[in-house]
Amino acid sequence: IGNKKGALNLLHDVLSQRRIKTWQKSYETIMLRYIDLCVELLDHMRGKDGLHQYRNMSQAQAPGSLEVVIKHYVDLAESRAEAAATKAIA
């Protein structure tokens, strides 16, 4: 509730747990929120690490989910870059 850095740490811990071996649909939702927080907090190294963790988890069972997450990350980053460019011009 307002602590975005703490939420990002918690989601990172969930994604990087060793006991998680099988992909579930709920992890896609977690990953989308994780990406939102990474872009918002400009923590791209953690975003990259989260993508690696998610790729390892979902690659065999749900490659389409990995595609959804990566497209979301790219779209979010592009919209953020466009907003920054228009702000710099103005």
N, C-alpha and C. Protein backbone atom coordinates (compact mmCIF):
# COMPACT_ATOMS: atom_id res chain seq x y z
N ILE A 1 0.85 -1.17 0.00
CA ILE A 1 0.00 0.00 0.00
C ILE A 1 0.90 1.23 0.00
N GLY A 2 1.31 1.62 -1.16
CA GLY A 2 2.15 2.79 -1.29
C GLY A 2 3.64 2.51 -1.24
N ASN A 3 4.05 1.34 -0.79
CA ASN A 3 5.47 1.01 -0.72
C ASN A 3 5.84 0.19 -1.95
N LYS A 4 6.14 0.87 -3.04
CA LYS A 4 6.40 0.19 -4.30
C LYS A 4 7.71 -0.57 -4.29
N LYS A 5 8.71 -0.03 -3.63
CA LYS A 5 10.00 -0.71 -3.55
C LYS A 5 9.86 -2.04 -2.78
N GLY A 6 9.11 -2.00 -1.69
CA GLY A 6 8.88 -3.22 -0.91
C GLY A 6 8.08 -4.25 -1.70
N ALA A 7 7.10 -3.76 -2.47
CA ALA A 7 6.30 -4.66 -3.31
C ALA A 7 7.17 -5.31 -4.37
N LEU A 8 8.07 -4.53 -4.96
CA LEU A 8 8.98 -5.08 -5.97
C LEU A 8 9.88 -6.14 -5.37
N ASN A 9 10.39 -5.89 -4.17
CA ASN A 9 11.23 -6.89 -3.50
C ASN A 9 10.46 -8.17 -3.22
N LEU A 10 9.22 -8.03 -2.78
CA LEU A 10 8.40 -9.20 -2.48
C LEU A 10 8.12 -10.02 -3.75
N LEU A 11 7.74 -9.33 -4.83
CA LEU A 11 7.47 -10.04 -6.08
C LEU A 11 8.74 -10.71 -6.62
N HIS A 12 9.88 -10.06 -6.46
CA HIS A 12 11.14 -10.66 -6.90
C HIS A 12 11.44 -11.93 -6.11
N ASP A 13 11.17 -11.90 -4.82
CA ASP A 13 11.37 -13.10 -3.99
C ASP A 13 10.45 -14.23 -4.44
N VAL A 14 9.21 -13.90 -4.79
CA VAL A 14 8.26 -14.92 -5.25
C VAL A 14 8.76 -15.55 -6.54
N LEU A 15 9.26 -14.73 -7.46
CA LEU A 15 9.71 -15.26 -8.75
C LEU A 15 11.01 -16.05 -8.65
N SER A 16 11.84 -15.72 -7.70
CA SER A 16 13.15 -16.36 -7.63
C SER A 16 13.22 -17.52 -6.63
N GLN A 17 12.10 -17.93 -6.05
CA GLN A 17 12.11 -19.07 -5.14
C GLN A 17 12.50 -20.33 -5.88
N ARG A 18 13.36 -21.11 -5.28
CA ARG A 18 13.84 -22.34 -5.91
C ARG A 18 12.78 -23.42 -5.96
N ARG A 19 11.83 -23.41 -5.03
CA ARG A 19 10.85 -24.50 -5.00
C ARG A 19 9.78 -24.37 -6.08
N ILE A 20 9.71 -23.21 -6.73
CA ILE A 20 8.74 -23.04 -7.82
C ILE A 20 9.34 -23.67 -9.07
N LYS A 21 8.73 -24.71 -9.55
CA LYS A 21 9.26 -25.38 -10.74
C LYS A 21 8.25 -25.43 -11.87
N THR A 22 6.97 -25.38 -11.56
CA THR A 22 5.95 -25.48 -12.60
C THR A 22 5.26 -24.14 -12.79
N TRP A 23 4.96 -23.84 -14.03
CA TRP A 23 4.29 -22.60 -14.37
C TRP A 23 2.81 -22.69 -14.07
N GLN A 24 2.24 -21.58 -13.61
CA GLN A 24 0.80 -21.46 -13.40
C GLN A 24 0.37 -20.11 -13.96
N LYS A 25 -0.89 -20.00 -14.35
CA LYS A 25 -1.41 -18.77 -14.95
C LYS A 25 -1.25 -17.57 -14.01
N SER A 26 -1.33 -17.80 -12.71
CA SER A 26 -1.22 -16.70 -11.75
C SER A 26 0.16 -16.04 -11.80
N TYR A 27 1.18 -16.79 -12.20
CA TYR A 27 2.51 -16.19 -12.30
C TYR A 27 2.60 -15.16 -13.42
N GLU A 28 1.78 -15.31 -14.45
CA GLU A 28 1.76 -14.30 -15.52
C GLU A 28 1.25 -12.97 -14.97
N THR A 29 0.21 -13.00 -14.17
CA THR A 29 -0.32 -11.78 -13.55
C THR A 29 0.71 -11.15 -12.62
N ILE A 30 1.39 -11.98 -11.84
CA ILE A 30 2.45 -11.49 -10.96
C ILE A 30 3.55 -10.84 -11.78
N MET A 31 3.92 -11.47 -12.87
CA MET A 31 5.00 -10.95 -13.69
C MET A 31 4.63 -9.63 -14.36
N LEU A 32 3.39 -9.49 -14.80
CA LEU A 32 2.97 -8.23 -15.42
C LEU A 32 3.04 -7.09 -14.41
N ARG A 33 2.62 -7.33 -13.19
CA ARG A 33 2.71 -6.30 -12.15
C ARG A 33 4.17 -6.02 -11.80
N TYR A 34 4.98 -7.06 -11.79
CA TYR A 34 6.41 -6.92 -11.52
C TYR A 34 7.07 -6.02 -12.57
N ILE A 35 6.73 -6.23 -13.82
CA ILE A 35 7.27 -5.41 -14.91
C ILE A 35 6.81 -3.96 -14.76
N ASP A 36 5.53 -3.76 -14.42
CA ASP A 36 5.02 -2.40 -14.19
C ASP A 36 5.85 -1.67 -13.13
N LEU A 37 6.12 -2.36 -12.04
CA LEU A 37 6.90 -1.75 -10.96
C LEU A 37 8.35 -1.48 -11.37
N CYS A 38 8.93 -2.39 -12.11
CA CYS A 38 10.32 -2.20 -12.56
C CYS A 38 10.44 -0.97 -13.45
N VAL A 39 9.50 -0.82 -14.37
CA VAL A 39 9.55 0.34 -15.27
C VAL A 39 9.28 1.62 -14.49
N GLU A 40 8.32 1.57 -13.60
CA GLU A 40 7.96 2.76 -12.83
C GLU A 40 9.10 3.21 -11.92
N LEU A 41 9.80 2.26 -11.32
CA LEU A 41 10.90 2.57 -10.40
C LEU A 41 12.25 2.66 -11.10
N LEU A 42 12.26 2.48 -12.41
CA LEU A 42 13.49 2.52 -13.22
C LEU A 42 14.53 1.51 -12.74
N ASP A 43 14.07 0.35 -12.36
CA ASP A 43 14.96 -0.72 -11.89
C ASP A 43 15.06 -1.79 -12.98
N HIS A 44 15.81 -1.47 -14.02
CA HIS A 44 15.86 -2.34 -15.19
C HIS A 44 16.70 -3.60 -14.97
N MET A 45 17.66 -3.53 -14.09
CA MET A 45 18.45 -4.74 -13.80
C MET A 45 17.58 -5.80 -13.13
N ARG A 46 16.73 -5.38 -12.22
CA ARG A 46 15.83 -6.32 -11.56
C ARG A 46 14.79 -6.83 -12.55
N GLY A 47 14.36 -5.96 -13.47
CA GLY A 47 13.43 -6.38 -14.51
C GLY A 47 14.02 -7.46 -15.39
N LYS A 48 15.27 -7.29 -15.74
CA LYS A 48 15.96 -8.29 -16.57
C LYS A 48 16.09 -9.61 -15.81
N ASP A 49 16.44 -9.53 -14.54
CA ASP A 49 16.56 -10.74 -13.73
C ASP A 49 15.21 -11.45 -13.60
N GLY A 50 14.16 -10.68 -13.41
CA GLY A 50 12.82 -11.26 -13.32
C GLY A 50 12.42 -11.95 -14.62
N LEU A 51 12.77 -11.35 -15.75
CA LEU A 51 12.47 -11.98 -17.04
C LEU A 51 13.21 -13.30 -17.20
N HIS A 52 14.46 -13.34 -16.74
CA HIS A 52 15.21 -14.60 -16.79
C HIS A 52 14.56 -15.67 -15.93
N GLN A 53 14.15 -15.29 -14.72
CA GLN A 53 13.50 -16.24 -13.82
C GLN A 53 12.20 -16.75 -14.43
N TYR A 54 11.43 -15.83 -15.02
CA TYR A 54 10.15 -16.21 -15.60
C TYR A 54 10.34 -17.06 -16.85
N ARG A 55 11.36 -16.76 -17.62
CA ARG A 55 11.66 -17.57 -18.80
C ARG A 55 11.98 -19.00 -18.40
N ASN A 56 12.79 -19.17 -17.38
CA ASN A 56 13.13 -20.51 -16.91
C ASN A 56 11.89 -21.27 -16.44
N MET A 57 10.96 -20.55 -15.84
CA MET A 57 9.76 -21.17 -15.31
C MET A 57 8.76 -21.53 -16.41
N SER A 58 8.60 -20.66 -17.41
CA SER A 58 7.49 -20.81 -18.36
C SER A 58 7.90 -21.33 -19.74
N GLN A 59 9.17 -21.43 -20.00
CA GLN A 59 9.64 -21.74 -21.36
C GLN A 59 9.08 -23.05 -21.89
N ALA A 60 9.07 -24.09 -21.10
CA ALA A 60 8.64 -25.40 -21.58
C ALA A 60 7.12 -25.53 -21.60
N GLN A 61 6.44 -24.93 -20.62
CA GLN A 61 5.02 -25.17 -20.48
C GLN A 61 4.14 -24.11 -21.12
N ALA A 62 4.60 -22.86 -21.16
CA ALA A 62 3.75 -21.78 -21.67
C ALA A 62 4.57 -20.70 -22.36
N PRO A 63 5.13 -21.00 -23.54
CA PRO A 63 5.93 -19.98 -24.23
C PRO A 63 5.09 -18.78 -24.65
N GLY A 64 3.80 -18.96 -24.85
CA GLY A 64 2.93 -17.84 -25.20
C GLY A 64 2.82 -16.83 -24.07
N SER A 65 2.87 -17.31 -22.85
CA SER A 65 2.83 -16.42 -21.69
C SER A 65 4.09 -15.56 -21.62
N LEU A 66 5.23 -16.16 -21.93
CA LEU A 66 6.48 -15.41 -21.96
C LEU A 66 6.40 -14.31 -23.02
N GLU A 67 5.80 -14.61 -24.16
CA GLU A 67 5.64 -13.62 -25.22
C GLU A 67 4.76 -12.46 -24.75
N VAL A 68 3.68 -12.76 -24.04
CA VAL A 68 2.79 -11.72 -23.52
C VAL A 68 3.54 -10.79 -22.57
N VAL A 69 4.34 -11.37 -21.70
CA VAL A 69 5.08 -10.58 -20.72
C VAL A 69 6.13 -9.71 -21.41
N ILE A 70 6.85 -10.25 -22.37
CA ILE A 70 7.87 -9.48 -23.06
C ILE A 70 7.24 -8.35 -23.87
N LYS A 71 6.13 -8.61 -24.55
CA LYS A 71 5.44 -7.55 -25.29
C LYS A 71 4.96 -6.45 -24.36
N HIS A 72 4.47 -6.83 -23.20
CA HIS A 72 4.04 -5.85 -22.21
C HIS A 72 5.21 -4.97 -21.77
N TYR A 73 6.35 -5.58 -21.54
CA TYR A 73 7.56 -4.86 -21.13
C TYR A 73 8.00 -3.87 -22.22
N VAL A 74 8.02 -4.32 -23.45
CA VAL A 74 8.44 -3.47 -24.57
C VAL A 74 7.45 -2.32 -24.76
N ASP A 75 6.15 -2.62 -24.75
CA ASP A 75 5.15 -1.57 -24.92
C ASP A 75 5.23 -0.53 -23.81
N LEU A 76 5.40 -0.98 -22.60
CA LEU A 76 5.50 -0.07 -21.46
C LEU A 76 6.75 0.81 -21.57
N ALA A 77 7.86 0.21 -21.94
CA ALA A 77 9.11 0.97 -22.08
C ALA A 77 9.02 1.98 -23.22
N GLU A 78 8.40 1.58 -24.34
CA GLU A 78 8.26 2.50 -25.46
C GLU A 78 7.35 3.68 -25.11
N SER A 79 6.25 3.42 -24.44
CA SER A 79 5.36 4.52 -24.07
C SER A 79 6.03 5.46 -23.08
N ARG A 80 6.81 4.90 -22.18
CA ARG A 80 7.55 5.73 -21.22
C ARG A 80 8.60 6.57 -21.94
N ALA A 81 9.28 6.00 -22.93
CA ALA A 81 10.28 6.73 -23.69
C ALA A 81 9.64 7.85 -24.52
N GLU A 82 8.49 7.57 -25.13
CA GLU A 82 7.79 8.61 -25.89
C GLU A 82 7.35 9.75 -24.99
N ALA A 83 6.86 9.43 -23.81
CA ALA A 83 6.45 10.47 -22.86
C ALA A 83 7.65 11.33 -22.44
N ALA A 84 8.78 10.69 -22.24
CA ALA A 84 9.98 11.44 -21.86
C ALA A 84 10.46 12.32 -23.01
N ALA A 85 10.34 11.81 -24.24
CA ALA A 85 10.76 12.61 -25.40
C ALA A 85 9.87 13.82 -25.59
N THR A 86 8.57 13.66 -25.45
CA THR A 86 7.68 14.82 -25.60
C THR A 86 7.87 15.81 -24.47
N LYS A 87 8.20 15.33 -23.29
CA LYS A 87 8.46 16.21 -22.17
C LYS A 87 9.75 16.99 -22.39
N ALA A 88 10.74 16.34 -23.00
CA ALA A 88 12.03 17.01 -23.25
C ALA A 88 11.88 18.08 -24.35
N ILE A 89 11.02 17.82 -25.31
CA ILE A 89 10.80 18.79 -26.39
C ILE A 89 10.06 20.02 -25.87
N ALA A 90 9.11 19.79 -25.00
CA ALA A 90 8.28 20.90 -24.51
C ALA A 90 8.99 21.79 -23.53
